[in-house]
Amino acid sequence: MSESTVWRPPSPFFCDMTWGAGGSTSDLTLELSGNIQKYVGLDVMMHLTCTNMPVEKVTEGLEGAKERGIRNILALRGDPPAGQEWQKCEGGFAHASDLVKFVRESYGDYFSIGVAGYPEGHPAGLLEGKLTYEQEMEFLKEKIDLGADFIITQMFYDVDLFLKFVKDCRACGINVPILPGILPIQNYAGFKRMTGFCKTHVPDYVAEALEPIKEDDASVKRYGIKLAVQMCRRILESGLVPGIHFYSLNLEKSVMAILNELGLVAQHEAIRSLPWRPATLDKRRSEDVRPIFWANRPKSYLDRTAEWDEFPNGRWGDSRSPAYGDLSDYHLMGTGFNTPEARSSYAESIGEVNTISDINDVFVRFCKGELTRLPWVESETLANETRMILGPLMWLNQNGLWTINSQPRVNGAPSSDHTFGWGGPGGFVYQKAYVEFFVNPQTVDALFEAAKNHPSLTIYAVTRNAKEVRCNERRPRTNAVTWGVFPNREIVQPTVVDPVSFLAWRDEAFDLWGTFWANLYPEGSKSRGLLNEVRDTYSLVNIVDNDFVSGDIFKIFGSVIKAL
């Protein structure tokens, strides 16, 4: 998932997922497409080919897409598997137009359907002398008339030919959006292979520019970026297209460089719709409230709430009693730690933990960036807002208060702020300071005693087996800790502290000590014994400072740590 995750900053409309020839990678395509929509929050356009595919296999792919909330299909005839000739299988489809017709008749308007366009002619049609340009335009119009919603073109390097193609489409009554397919040149050998396979016309000036640098991959890549920027500028300035479709081929750095040169990546303004990454699954599209506890483990939250019929919209609600899914080894081990090799490598990076000071050191090393992961954190990098309070957090960890989640207070930052902003232009965002940590029972008692002199603080604490949450408030209730005020909208409060959800999170947070961390070490070892003891005896605490104007959430810790 790492490569798809990088696409969040430029906020693309969608990302593509290819379909193996003859459905050879259908299961993987469906799994990856669903995971991108669920975890990365990007709409997916899933390719679907009909080569060597009986109608039952096509239906299976479409049903799988629908089950995963995928709403966009690129309908293609496709290429045959390696070493085979193209053929229409019994009960299958002969052309992409047949596939478009089948999808539209079978699923109505559920799917948005894209089709391929060939500005220079189809490699197996016009370019082989089997069809005229006019015939290919007629076939393209047929796909649109049968229900296709947009066109994505084959790669090209001649902008004049593309612009002529768009104008010709409009002249023959094709009025759907047309997205140009841009393939940045990464290296000379790959460029020659792709242009040869696709029979792509290469303008003389491109060939002449590449010839003297063809043995220098870095120079070829730089030229590829420069050429793509020039092409995109001209295409966008024509006003004939709504955007650009990049063929990244899992090599995103050139595409990101092109977008930066074009000024299409926000450098100083926030583009997040919410403080957390929304899923693009249909039933979650209106979701705009989550408990803060899973801020660093969003994949686990999505899995544990996957069976909910409805998701909070507008307010979490004090009376809500959500039923979180059961924990599994998948939730507890987390992405990237599901193999013995990965767990062994992680154990080696942590080292043995035979004393409380050793555990202190692990958390401090994470804060310093010397350790890439903690069991309670899915990301390998600290959030920018966390870095703003990194000093106090390191101090807490050095003194045995092991922090796993936090945010600083914010009083009316512009919604365009690069660190704190979210929600769209013209708004202001607010945060109550929050910190969550594990700590020994003596410190918990001291914190509740000291809280009597800090009335702006709300403290929750719970042990592994406690039936109720301990709180310094008489009636614990849902507490909004992040909210925003925007033009012509109600106040949005996307992050809350909720006592019921805290108990569900408690189960996961404590189990991570054993299932994830302690089990890295041999049974009977001192490290495993200490970590299990911490799991069984320590408390999980969260503190909210309700004074978001001038509060200091860390002030209470000074007297507590000094007295212990």
Protein backbone atom coordinates (compact mmCIF):
# COMPACT_ATOMS: atom_id res chain seq x y z
CA MET A 1 0.00 0.00 0.00
CA SER A 2 2.95 2.36 0.36
CA GLU A 3 2.97 3.47 -3.29
CA SER A 4 -0.72 4.33 -3.32
CA THR A 5 -0.39 6.20 -0.04
CA VAL A 6 1.96 8.76 -1.58
CA TRP A 7 -0.83 9.95 -3.86
CA ARG A 8 -2.70 11.67 -1.07
CA PRO A 9 -0.88 15.06 -1.17
CA PRO A 10 -1.84 15.99 -4.79
CA SER A 11 -5.37 14.65 -4.18
CA PRO A 12 -5.99 12.79 -7.46
CA PHE A 13 -9.52 12.09 -8.65
CA PHE A 14 -8.83 8.35 -8.79
CA CYS A 15 -6.10 5.75 -9.19
CA ASP A 16 -6.01 2.82 -11.60
CA MET A 17 -5.74 -0.87 -10.83
CA THR A 18 -4.93 -3.10 -13.79
CA TRP A 19 -6.56 -6.44 -14.56
CA GLY A 20 -4.33 -9.36 -15.60
CA ALA A 21 -4.76 -10.81 -19.06
CA GLY A 22 -7.65 -13.26 -19.09
CA GLY A 23 -8.42 -12.44 -15.46
CA SER A 24 -5.12 -13.99 -14.31
CA THR A 25 -4.75 -11.50 -11.44
CA SER A 26 -8.44 -10.90 -10.73
CA ASP A 27 -8.32 -11.82 -7.03
CA LEU A 28 -5.29 -9.59 -6.41
CA THR A 29 -6.83 -6.75 -8.40
CA LEU A 30 -10.01 -6.88 -6.34
CA GLU A 31 -8.13 -7.11 -3.04
CA LEU A 32 -5.82 -4.20 -3.81
CA SER A 33 -8.64 -2.06 -5.21
CA GLY A 34 -10.80 -2.63 -2.14
CA ASN A 35 -7.93 -1.92 0.25
CA ILE A 36 -7.05 1.35 -1.49
CA GLN A 37 -10.65 2.56 -1.19
CA LYS A 38 -10.88 1.41 2.42
CA TYR A 39 -7.51 2.37 3.85
CA VAL A 40 -6.02 5.01 1.56
CA GLY A 41 -9.25 6.89 0.85
CA LEU A 42 -8.82 7.10 -2.93
CA ASP A 43 -11.48 6.23 -5.48
CA VAL A 44 -10.27 3.36 -7.64
CA MET A 45 -10.88 2.87 -11.33
CA MET A 46 -10.60 -0.88 -11.76
CA HIS A 47 -9.64 -2.14 -15.19
CA LEU A 48 -11.74 -5.01 -16.52
CA THR A 49 -10.87 -6.86 -19.71
CA CYS A 50 -12.96 -9.37 -21.60
CA THR A 51 -10.24 -11.26 -23.48
CA ASN A 52 -10.60 -15.01 -22.88
CA MET A 53 -13.18 -14.19 -20.19
CA PRO A 54 -16.56 -15.97 -20.10
CA VAL A 55 -19.46 -13.87 -18.94
CA GLU A 56 -19.45 -15.68 -15.57
CA LYS A 57 -15.89 -14.49 -14.90
CA VAL A 58 -16.77 -10.93 -15.88
CA THR A 59 -19.80 -11.00 -13.57
CA GLU A 60 -17.64 -12.35 -10.78
CA GLY A 61 -15.28 -9.40 -11.20
CA LEU A 62 -18.10 -6.86 -11.25
CA GLU A 63 -19.78 -8.38 -8.20
CA GLY A 64 -16.45 -8.37 -6.38
CA ALA A 65 -16.00 -4.70 -7.25
CA LYS A 66 -19.49 -3.86 -6.02
CA GLU A 67 -18.95 -5.70 -2.73
CA ARG A 68 -15.86 -3.55 -2.13
CA GLY A 69 -17.57 -0.26 -2.94
CA ILE A 70 -15.73 0.23 -6.24
CA ARG A 71 -17.83 2.39 -8.57
CA ASN A 72 -15.50 3.01 -11.53
CA ILE A 73 -14.64 0.50 -14.27
CA LEU A 74 -12.35 0.91 -17.28
CA ALA A 75 -13.86 -1.47 -19.83
CA LEU A 76 -11.24 -2.89 -22.19
CA ARG A 77 -10.99 -5.72 -24.69
CA GLY A 78 -7.50 -6.41 -23.35
CA ASP A 79 -4.54 -8.43 -24.49
CA PRO A 80 -4.35 -12.22 -24.45
CA PRO A 81 -2.13 -13.98 -21.90
CA ALA A 82 1.52 -14.27 -22.93
CA GLY A 83 2.02 -16.78 -25.73
CA GLN A 84 -1.67 -16.95 -26.69
CA GLU A 85 -3.67 -15.46 -29.55
CA TRP A 86 -6.65 -13.22 -28.94
CA GLN A 87 -9.90 -15.07 -29.21
CA LYS A 88 -13.49 -14.70 -28.20
CA CYS A 89 -14.21 -17.49 -25.75
CA GLU A 90 -17.54 -19.26 -25.72
CA GLY A 91 -20.09 -17.21 -23.83
CA GLY A 92 -17.70 -14.22 -23.79
CA PHE A 93 -17.36 -10.85 -25.50
CA ALA A 94 -15.74 -9.89 -28.79
CA HIS A 95 -15.23 -6.18 -28.23
CA ALA A 96 -15.00 -3.61 -25.44
CA SER A 97 -18.34 -2.24 -26.66
CA ASP A 98 -19.94 -5.59 -25.77
CA LEU A 99 -18.50 -5.29 -22.26
CA VAL A 100 -19.78 -1.72 -21.90
CA LYS A 101 -23.24 -2.81 -22.97
CA PHE A 102 -23.23 -5.75 -20.55
CA VAL A 103 -22.13 -3.65 -17.56
CA ARG A 104 -24.68 -0.92 -18.25
CA GLU A 105 -27.58 -3.35 -18.85
CA SER A 106 -26.69 -5.49 -15.83
CA TYR A 107 -25.87 -2.78 -13.28
CA GLY A 108 -27.64 0.35 -14.49
CA ASP A 109 -25.92 3.50 -13.29
CA TYR A 110 -24.06 1.86 -10.40
CA PHE A 111 -20.74 1.91 -12.25
CA SER A 112 -19.11 4.85 -13.97
CA ILE A 113 -17.61 3.33 -17.13
CA GLY A 114 -14.48 4.51 -18.91
CA VAL A 115 -13.17 3.30 -22.26
CA ALA A 116 -9.91 3.61 -24.16
CA GLY A 117 -9.28 6.09 -26.97
CA TYR A 118 -6.45 5.97 -29.52
CA PRO A 119 -5.40 9.39 -30.87
CA GLU A 120 -2.90 7.76 -33.27
CA GLY A 121 -5.06 4.74 -34.08
CA HIS A 122 -5.40 1.33 -32.49
CA PRO A 123 -2.24 -0.81 -32.73
CA ALA A 124 -4.30 -3.72 -34.09
CA GLY A 125 -6.60 -1.55 -36.23
CA LEU A 126 -5.57 1.61 -38.06
CA LEU A 127 -1.87 1.07 -37.36
CA GLU A 128 -2.02 -2.37 -39.01
CA GLY A 129 -4.10 -1.14 -41.93
CA LYS A 130 -7.18 -3.09 -40.87
CA LEU A 131 -9.38 -0.07 -40.13
CA THR A 132 -9.61 3.53 -41.24
CA TYR A 133 -9.43 6.46 -38.82
CA GLU A 134 -13.11 7.16 -39.48
CA GLN A 135 -14.08 3.57 -38.66
CA GLU A 136 -12.21 3.73 -35.37
CA MET A 137 -14.05 6.94 -34.49
CA GLU A 138 -17.35 5.18 -35.24
CA PHE A 139 -16.43 2.31 -32.92
CA LEU A 140 -15.45 4.77 -30.18
CA LYS A 141 -18.77 6.58 -30.53
CA GLU A 142 -20.56 3.22 -30.32
CA LYS A 143 -18.93 2.59 -26.92
CA ILE A 144 -20.14 5.99 -25.74
CA ASP A 145 -23.65 5.46 -27.09
CA LEU A 146 -23.81 2.09 -25.26
CA GLY A 147 -23.16 3.77 -21.92
CA ALA A 148 -19.50 4.76 -21.44
CA ASP A 149 -19.03 7.94 -19.40
CA PHE A 150 -15.50 9.06 -20.28
CA ILE A 151 -12.44 8.27 -22.40
CA ILE A 152 -8.82 7.74 -21.35
CA THR A 153 -6.38 7.76 -24.22
CA GLN A 154 -3.46 5.53 -25.05
CA MET A 155 -0.04 7.06 -24.32
CA PHE A 156 1.28 9.55 -26.88
CA TYR A 157 4.07 12.09 -27.33
CA ASP A 158 2.61 14.15 -30.18
CA VAL A 159 0.33 16.78 -28.65
CA ASP A 160 -0.90 17.95 -32.07
CA LEU A 161 -2.30 14.51 -32.80
CA PHE A 162 -4.04 14.40 -29.43
CA LEU A 163 -5.67 17.82 -29.81
CA LYS A 164 -6.85 16.88 -33.29
CA PHE A 165 -8.30 13.65 -31.86
CA VAL A 166 -10.31 15.56 -29.26
CA LYS A 167 -11.69 17.95 -31.87
CA ASP A 168 -12.57 15.05 -34.14
CA CYS A 169 -14.42 13.36 -31.28
CA ARG A 170 -16.47 16.49 -30.68
CA ALA A 171 -17.20 16.80 -34.40
CA CYS A 172 -18.68 13.30 -34.56
CA GLY A 173 -20.86 13.76 -31.47
CA ILE A 174 -18.63 12.34 -28.73
CA ASN A 175 -19.07 14.84 -25.91
CA VAL A 176 -17.93 12.91 -22.82
CA PRO A 177 -14.76 13.97 -20.93
CA ILE A 178 -11.50 12.87 -22.57
CA LEU A 179 -8.42 12.41 -20.40
CA PRO A 180 -5.01 12.38 -22.13
CA GLY A 181 -2.74 9.47 -21.18
CA ILE A 182 0.74 10.72 -20.27
CA LEU A 183 3.58 8.23 -19.73
CA PRO A 184 6.70 10.01 -18.41
CA ILE A 185 9.92 8.70 -19.94
CA GLN A 186 11.83 6.92 -17.16
CA ASN A 187 14.69 5.34 -19.15
CA TYR A 188 15.56 4.89 -22.78
CA ALA A 189 15.17 1.11 -22.96
CA GLY A 190 11.72 1.25 -21.38
CA PHE A 191 10.72 4.11 -23.66
CA LYS A 192 11.74 2.17 -26.78
CA ARG A 193 10.00 -0.97 -25.54
CA MET A 194 6.68 0.78 -24.78
CA THR A 195 6.59 2.91 -27.93
CA GLY A 196 7.45 -0.16 -30.00
CA PHE A 197 4.77 -2.31 -28.39
CA CYS A 198 2.10 0.40 -28.69
CA LYS A 199 3.35 1.60 -32.11
CA THR A 200 3.49 5.12 -30.72
CA HIS A 201 4.56 7.98 -32.99
CA VAL A 202 7.66 9.69 -31.59
CA PRO A 203 8.17 13.27 -32.88
CA ASP A 204 11.59 13.94 -34.38
CA TYR A 205 12.50 16.52 -31.73
CA VAL A 206 11.91 13.92 -28.96
CA ALA A 207 14.04 11.29 -30.68
CA GLU A 208 16.79 13.85 -31.32
CA ALA A 209 16.82 15.01 -27.70
CA LEU A 210 17.07 11.44 -26.39
CA GLU A 211 19.75 10.14 -28.75
CA PRO A 212 22.82 11.82 -27.12
CA ILE A 213 21.70 10.98 -23.55
CA LYS A 214 20.22 7.51 -24.05
CA GLU A 215 22.95 5.81 -22.00
CA ASP A 216 22.48 8.20 -19.05
CA ASP A 217 19.35 7.15 -17.14
CA ALA A 218 19.36 10.22 -14.89
CA SER A 219 19.49 12.59 -17.88
CA VAL A 220 16.77 10.64 -19.68
CA LYS A 221 14.54 10.85 -16.61
CA ARG A 222 15.11 14.61 -16.30
CA TYR A 223 14.24 15.07 -19.96
CA GLY A 224 11.16 12.89 -19.52
CA ILE A 225 9.94 15.20 -16.76
CA LYS A 226 10.67 18.32 -18.81
CA LEU A 227 8.87 16.91 -21.87
CA ALA A 228 5.82 15.83 -19.87
CA VAL A 229 5.56 19.27 -18.25
CA GLN A 230 5.62 20.94 -21.68
CA MET A 231 3.01 18.52 -23.02
CA CYS A 232 0.69 18.92 -20.03
CA ARG A 233 0.92 22.71 -20.08
CA ARG A 234 -0.06 22.86 -23.69
CA ILE A 235 -2.88 20.35 -23.26
CA LEU A 236 -4.31 22.09 -20.19
CA GLU A 237 -4.05 25.53 -21.81
CA SER A 238 -6.08 24.23 -24.77
CA GLY A 239 -9.16 24.06 -22.53
CA LEU A 240 -10.18 20.80 -24.20
CA VAL A 241 -9.63 18.46 -21.25
CA PRO A 242 -10.71 18.39 -17.59
CA GLY A 243 -7.39 16.96 -16.34
CA ILE A 244 -4.46 14.64 -17.01
CA HIS A 245 -4.20 10.87 -16.61
CA PHE A 246 -0.67 9.70 -15.76
CA TYR A 247 0.61 6.20 -16.38
CA SER A 248 2.98 6.01 -13.40
CA LEU A 249 3.68 2.26 -13.66
CA ASN A 250 4.37 2.35 -9.90
CA LEU A 251 7.16 4.91 -10.44
CA GLU A 252 5.57 7.93 -8.80
CA LYS A 253 8.59 10.24 -8.38
CA SER A 254 8.56 11.55 -11.94
CA VAL A 255 4.81 12.15 -11.80
CA MET A 256 5.16 14.04 -8.52
CA ALA A 257 7.95 16.17 -10.05
CA ILE A 258 5.73 16.94 -13.05
CA LEU A 259 2.81 17.92 -10.82
CA ASN A 260 5.07 20.19 -8.79
CA GLU A 261 6.40 21.89 -11.93
CA LEU A 262 2.82 22.41 -13.10
CA GLY A 263 1.86 23.92 -9.75
CA LEU A 264 -0.78 21.26 -9.16
CA VAL A 265 0.40 20.28 -5.67
CA ALA A 266 -0.63 22.57 -2.81
CA GLN A 267 2.51 23.75 -1.04
CA HIS A 268 1.11 25.92 1.72
CA GLU A 269 -2.60 25.23 1.88
CA ALA A 270 -4.36 22.33 3.51
CA ILE A 271 -6.31 20.03 1.23
CA ARG A 272 -7.62 17.52 3.76
CA SER A 273 -11.37 17.27 4.00
CA LEU A 274 -11.06 15.96 7.59
CA PRO A 275 -8.21 15.58 10.11
CA TRP A 276 -8.21 11.84 9.38
CA ARG A 277 -8.23 10.14 6.02
CA PRO A 278 -11.82 9.34 4.94
CA ALA A 279 -12.58 6.02 3.27
CA THR A 280 -14.22 6.11 -0.16
CA LEU A 281 -16.49 3.13 0.49
CA ASP A 282 -20.07 4.07 -0.29
CA LYS A 283 -21.47 3.51 3.19
CA ARG A 284 -18.64 5.52 4.80
CA ARG A 285 -18.69 8.53 2.47
CA SER A 286 -20.82 10.58 4.87
CA GLU A 287 -18.81 9.54 7.95
CA ASP A 288 -17.31 12.62 9.61
CA VAL A 289 -16.82 11.70 13.29
CA ARG A 290 -14.39 9.23 14.88
CA PRO A 291 -12.94 8.61 18.35
CA ILE A 292 -9.40 9.94 18.66
CA PHE A 293 -8.06 6.71 20.17
CA TRP A 294 -7.41 5.04 16.78
CA ALA A 295 -5.73 8.13 15.29
CA ASN A 296 -2.47 6.20 14.95
CA ARG A 297 -4.12 2.88 13.99
CA PRO A 298 -6.73 3.89 11.39
CA LYS A 299 -6.60 0.57 9.53
CA SER A 300 -7.57 -1.28 12.69
CA TYR A 301 -10.46 1.15 13.27
CA LEU A 302 -11.75 0.63 9.73
CA ASP A 303 -11.64 -3.14 10.16
CA ARG A 304 -13.29 -3.16 13.58
CA THR A 305 -16.14 -0.95 12.39
CA ALA A 306 -16.54 -2.55 8.95
CA GLU A 307 -19.84 -4.23 9.86
CA TRP A 308 -21.58 -1.10 11.09
CA ASP A 309 -24.73 -0.33 9.13
CA GLU A 310 -24.44 3.42 9.75
CA PHE A 311 -21.55 5.71 10.55
CA PRO A 312 -21.59 8.88 12.66
CA ASN A 313 -22.42 11.99 10.69
CA GLY A 314 -22.53 15.40 12.33
CA ARG A 315 -22.37 14.21 15.96
CA TRP A 316 -21.09 11.08 17.69
CA GLY A 317 -23.89 11.19 20.25
CA ASP A 318 -23.72 10.52 24.00
CA SER A 319 -26.19 7.65 23.77
CA ARG A 320 -24.35 5.80 21.03
CA SER A 321 -23.12 2.34 22.05
CA PRO A 322 -21.08 1.10 19.09
CA ALA A 323 -20.32 -2.59 18.73
CA TYR A 324 -16.70 -2.90 17.68
CA GLY A 325 -15.59 -6.01 15.86
CA ASP A 326 -13.60 -8.65 17.71
CA LEU A 327 -9.85 -8.38 17.81
CA SER A 328 -7.80 -10.71 15.66
CA ASP A 329 -4.11 -11.36 15.20
CA TYR A 330 -4.35 -9.24 12.06
CA HIS A 331 -5.51 -6.22 14.05
CA LEU A 332 -2.92 -6.76 16.73
CA MET A 333 0.10 -7.52 14.57
CA GLY A 334 -0.66 -4.74 12.12
CA THR A 335 0.36 -4.21 8.53
CA GLY A 336 3.94 -5.16 7.83
CA PHE A 337 4.44 -7.53 10.78
CA ASN A 338 2.63 -10.64 9.61
CA THR A 339 5.69 -12.70 8.74
CA PRO A 340 8.27 -14.31 11.05
CA GLU A 341 11.02 -12.42 9.22
CA ALA A 342 9.37 -9.03 9.82
CA ARG A 343 8.79 -9.77 13.50
CA SER A 344 12.36 -11.00 13.94
CA SER A 345 13.75 -7.87 12.32
CA TYR A 346 11.58 -5.65 14.52
CA ALA A 347 12.62 -7.50 17.67
CA GLU A 348 16.25 -7.02 16.72
CA SER A 349 15.74 -3.27 16.21
CA ILE A 350 14.12 -2.93 19.65
CA GLY A 351 16.52 -5.17 21.49
CA GLU A 352 15.86 -6.81 24.85
CA VAL A 353 13.74 -4.97 27.42
CA ASN A 354 14.63 -6.28 30.85
CA THR A 355 13.87 -3.20 32.96
CA ILE A 356 11.38 -0.33 33.03
CA SER A 357 14.23 1.95 31.95
CA ASP A 358 14.64 -0.21 28.84
CA ILE A 359 10.97 0.38 27.98
CA ASN A 360 11.42 4.11 28.59
CA ASP A 361 14.29 4.02 26.12
CA VAL A 362 12.21 2.31 23.41
CA PHE A 363 9.58 5.07 23.51
CA VAL A 364 12.23 7.80 23.59
CA ARG A 365 14.01 6.26 20.59
CA PHE A 366 10.73 6.29 18.70
CA CYS A 367 10.26 9.99 19.47
CA LYS A 368 13.79 10.66 18.22
CA GLY A 369 13.16 8.78 15.01
CA GLU A 370 15.67 6.06 15.85
CA LEU A 371 12.90 3.43 15.87
CA THR A 372 10.41 3.41 13.01
CA ARG A 373 7.40 1.80 14.67
CA LEU A 374 5.63 1.20 17.94
CA PRO A 375 2.88 -1.41 18.35
CA TRP A 376 0.31 1.38 18.74
CA VAL A 377 1.38 3.34 15.67
CA GLU A 378 0.81 2.15 12.08
CA SER A 379 2.75 4.98 10.45
CA GLU A 380 6.53 5.08 10.31
CA THR A 381 6.73 8.87 10.65
CA LEU A 382 5.49 11.30 13.28
CA ALA A 383 2.75 13.73 12.31
CA ASN A 384 3.85 17.34 11.89
CA GLU A 385 1.65 18.46 14.77
CA THR A 386 3.25 15.85 17.04
CA ARG A 387 6.67 17.35 16.33
CA MET A 388 5.45 20.64 17.77
CA ILE A 389 5.14 19.05 21.23
CA LEU A 390 7.94 16.52 20.84
CA GLY A 391 10.02 17.94 23.70
CA PRO A 392 7.34 17.48 26.38
CA LEU A 393 6.44 14.06 24.98
CA MET A 394 10.05 12.86 25.21
CA TRP A 395 10.21 14.15 28.78
CA LEU A 396 7.11 12.14 29.71
CA ASN A 397 8.55 8.98 28.14
CA GLN A 398 11.87 9.44 29.91
CA ASN A 399 9.93 9.49 33.18
CA GLY A 400 7.87 6.34 32.53
CA LEU A 401 4.72 7.83 31.01
CA TRP A 402 4.72 6.04 27.66
CA THR A 403 2.82 8.16 25.15
CA ILE A 404 0.97 6.59 22.21
CA ASN A 405 -1.27 9.45 20.98
CA SER A 406 -1.35 13.23 21.36
CA GLN A 407 -2.25 16.55 19.80
CA PRO A 408 -1.46 20.17 20.76
CA ARG A 409 -4.09 22.80 21.43
CA VAL A 410 -5.10 25.01 18.51
CA ASN A 411 -7.18 28.16 18.82
CA GLY A 412 -8.57 29.26 15.49
CA ALA A 413 -5.88 28.29 12.98
CA PRO A 414 -6.89 29.01 9.36
CA SER A 415 -8.33 25.92 7.69
CA SER A 416 -5.60 26.38 5.05
CA ASP A 417 -2.82 25.93 7.64
CA HIS A 418 -0.32 23.38 6.33
CA THR A 419 0.00 21.58 9.69
CA PHE A 420 -3.42 21.87 11.33
CA GLY A 421 -5.76 22.81 8.50
CA TRP A 422 -8.61 20.74 7.09
CA GLY A 423 -12.17 21.13 5.86
CA GLY A 424 -11.91 23.56 2.94
CA PRO A 425 -11.19 27.26 2.41
CA GLY A 426 -12.24 30.17 4.56
CA GLY A 427 -12.63 28.27 7.84
CA PHE A 428 -10.96 28.10 11.23
CA VAL A 429 -10.02 24.96 13.13
CA TYR A 430 -9.67 24.25 16.84
CA GLN A 431 -8.16 21.49 18.97
CA LYS A 432 -8.10 20.68 22.64
CA ALA A 433 -4.72 19.42 23.77
CA TYR A 434 -4.75 15.66 24.22
CA VAL A 435 -2.25 13.10 25.46
CA GLU A 436 -2.65 9.34 25.94
CA PHE A 437 -0.17 7.10 27.70
CA PHE A 438 0.49 3.97 29.76
CA VAL A 439 1.66 4.47 33.33
CA ASN A 440 1.98 2.67 36.66
CA PRO A 441 -0.85 2.73 39.26
CA GLN A 442 0.97 5.07 41.68
CA THR A 443 1.27 7.78 39.03
CA VAL A 444 -2.41 7.38 38.11
CA ASP A 445 -3.43 8.08 41.70
CA ALA A 446 -1.10 11.07 41.81
CA LEU A 447 -2.58 12.48 38.60
CA PHE A 448 -6.14 12.28 39.88
CA GLU A 449 -5.10 13.99 43.10
CA ALA A 450 -3.25 16.74 41.24
CA ALA A 451 -6.19 17.21 38.84
CA LYS A 452 -8.13 18.83 41.68
CA ASN A 453 -5.94 21.88 41.09
CA HIS A 454 -6.33 21.74 37.31
CA PRO A 455 -10.08 22.13 36.64
CA SER A 456 -9.70 22.41 32.86
CA LEU A 457 -8.49 18.81 32.59
CA THR A 458 -10.61 15.72 31.96
CA ILE A 459 -8.84 12.46 32.82
CA TYR A 460 -9.84 8.93 31.86
CA ALA A 461 -7.94 5.91 33.19
CA VAL A 462 -8.56 2.20 32.83
CA THR A 463 -6.72 -1.04 33.56
CA ARG A 464 -6.72 -4.13 31.37
CA ASN A 465 -9.58 -5.87 33.20
CA ALA A 466 -11.53 -2.93 34.64
CA LYS A 467 -15.25 -2.93 33.91
CA GLU A 468 -15.58 0.86 34.08
CA VAL A 469 -13.50 3.89 33.19
CA ARG A 470 -12.14 5.95 36.06
CA CYS A 471 -12.76 9.67 35.45
CA ASN A 472 -12.39 12.91 37.40
CA GLU A 473 -15.73 14.08 35.99
CA ARG A 474 -18.93 13.05 37.74
CA ARG A 475 -20.67 12.24 34.46
CA PRO A 476 -18.24 11.29 31.67
CA ARG A 477 -19.66 12.11 28.29
CA THR A 478 -18.57 12.51 24.69
CA ASN A 479 -16.06 15.35 24.42
CA ALA A 480 -15.25 17.01 21.07
CA VAL A 481 -11.48 17.51 20.88
CA THR A 482 -11.28 18.75 17.28
CA TRP A 483 -13.77 20.99 15.50
CA GLY A 484 -13.97 23.50 12.68
CA VAL A 485 -16.06 26.53 11.72
CA PHE A 486 -16.59 27.09 7.99
CA PRO A 487 -18.60 29.48 5.82
CA ASN A 488 -22.22 28.48 5.31
CA ARG A 489 -21.86 25.21 7.27
CA GLU A 490 -22.67 23.86 10.68
CA ILE A 491 -19.78 23.37 13.09
CA VAL A 492 -17.95 20.16 12.23
CA GLN A 493 -16.51 18.07 15.09
CA PRO A 494 -14.64 15.14 13.51
CA THR A 495 -12.69 13.86 16.52
CA VAL A 496 -14.06 12.99 19.96
CA VAL A 497 -13.18 11.32 23.24
CA ASP A 498 -15.92 8.85 24.08
CA PRO A 499 -15.93 6.67 27.25
CA VAL A 500 -17.65 3.68 25.58
CA SER A 501 -15.20 3.63 22.68
CA PHE A 502 -12.32 4.06 25.13
CA LEU A 503 -13.17 0.67 26.64
CA ALA A 504 -13.12 -0.94 23.17
CA TRP A 505 -9.81 0.71 22.43
CA ARG A 506 -8.52 -0.37 25.84
CA ASP A 507 -8.84 -4.05 24.86
CA GLU A 508 -6.78 -3.50 21.73
CA ALA A 509 -4.20 -1.24 23.36
CA PHE A 510 -3.43 -3.65 26.19
CA ASP A 511 -3.43 -6.76 23.99
CA LEU A 512 -0.74 -5.16 21.84
CA TRP A 513 1.67 -5.43 24.79
CA GLY A 514 1.38 -9.20 24.69
CA THR A 515 0.33 -10.31 21.22
CA PHE A 516 2.51 -7.84 19.37
CA TRP A 517 5.45 -6.96 21.63
CA ALA A 518 5.97 -9.66 24.31
CA ASN A 519 5.54 -12.45 21.78
CA LEU A 520 8.57 -11.19 19.89
CA TYR A 521 10.68 -12.80 22.62
CA PRO A 522 11.03 -16.46 23.60
CA GLU A 523 8.62 -17.91 26.14
CA GLY A 524 10.16 -17.72 29.61
CA SER A 525 12.48 -14.83 28.67
CA LYS A 526 12.86 -11.84 30.96
CA SER A 527 11.69 -9.44 28.24
CA ARG A 528 8.45 -11.34 27.65
CA GLY A 529 7.78 -11.59 31.36
CA LEU A 530 8.28 -7.85 31.95
CA LEU A 531 6.06 -6.81 29.04
CA ASN A 532 3.25 -9.13 30.15
CA GLU A 533 3.57 -7.76 33.68
CA VAL A 534 3.19 -4.21 32.36
CA ARG A 535 0.13 -5.30 30.40
CA ASP A 536 -1.48 -6.76 33.53
CA THR A 537 -0.62 -4.03 36.05
CA TYR A 538 -0.37 -0.66 34.28
CA SER A 539 -3.16 1.76 33.35
CA LEU A 540 -4.07 3.41 30.07
CA VAL A 541 -4.73 7.11 30.64
CA ASN A 542 -5.93 9.93 28.42
CA ILE A 543 -6.08 13.59 29.38
CA VAL A 544 -7.97 16.37 27.61
CA ASP A 545 -7.28 20.02 28.40
CA ASN A 546 -10.57 21.77 27.74
CA ASP A 547 -8.85 25.19 27.82
CA PHE A 548 -7.96 25.39 24.15
CA VAL A 549 -7.26 29.14 24.44
CA SER A 550 -4.41 29.27 26.96
CA GLY A 551 -4.18 25.86 28.63
CA ASP A 552 -0.99 23.91 29.32
CA ILE A 553 -1.74 20.19 29.38
CA PHE A 554 1.80 19.32 30.48
CA LYS A 555 1.77 21.53 33.60
CA ILE A 556 0.13 18.86 35.78
CA PHE A 557 2.95 16.41 35.09
CA GLY A 558 5.62 18.63 36.60
CA SER A 559 4.38 18.30 40.16
CA VAL A 560 3.40 14.65 39.74
CA ILE A 561 6.76 13.51 38.39
CA LYS A 562 8.64 15.57 40.96
CA ALA A 563 6.70 13.99 43.83
CA LEU A 564 7.21 10.37 42.71
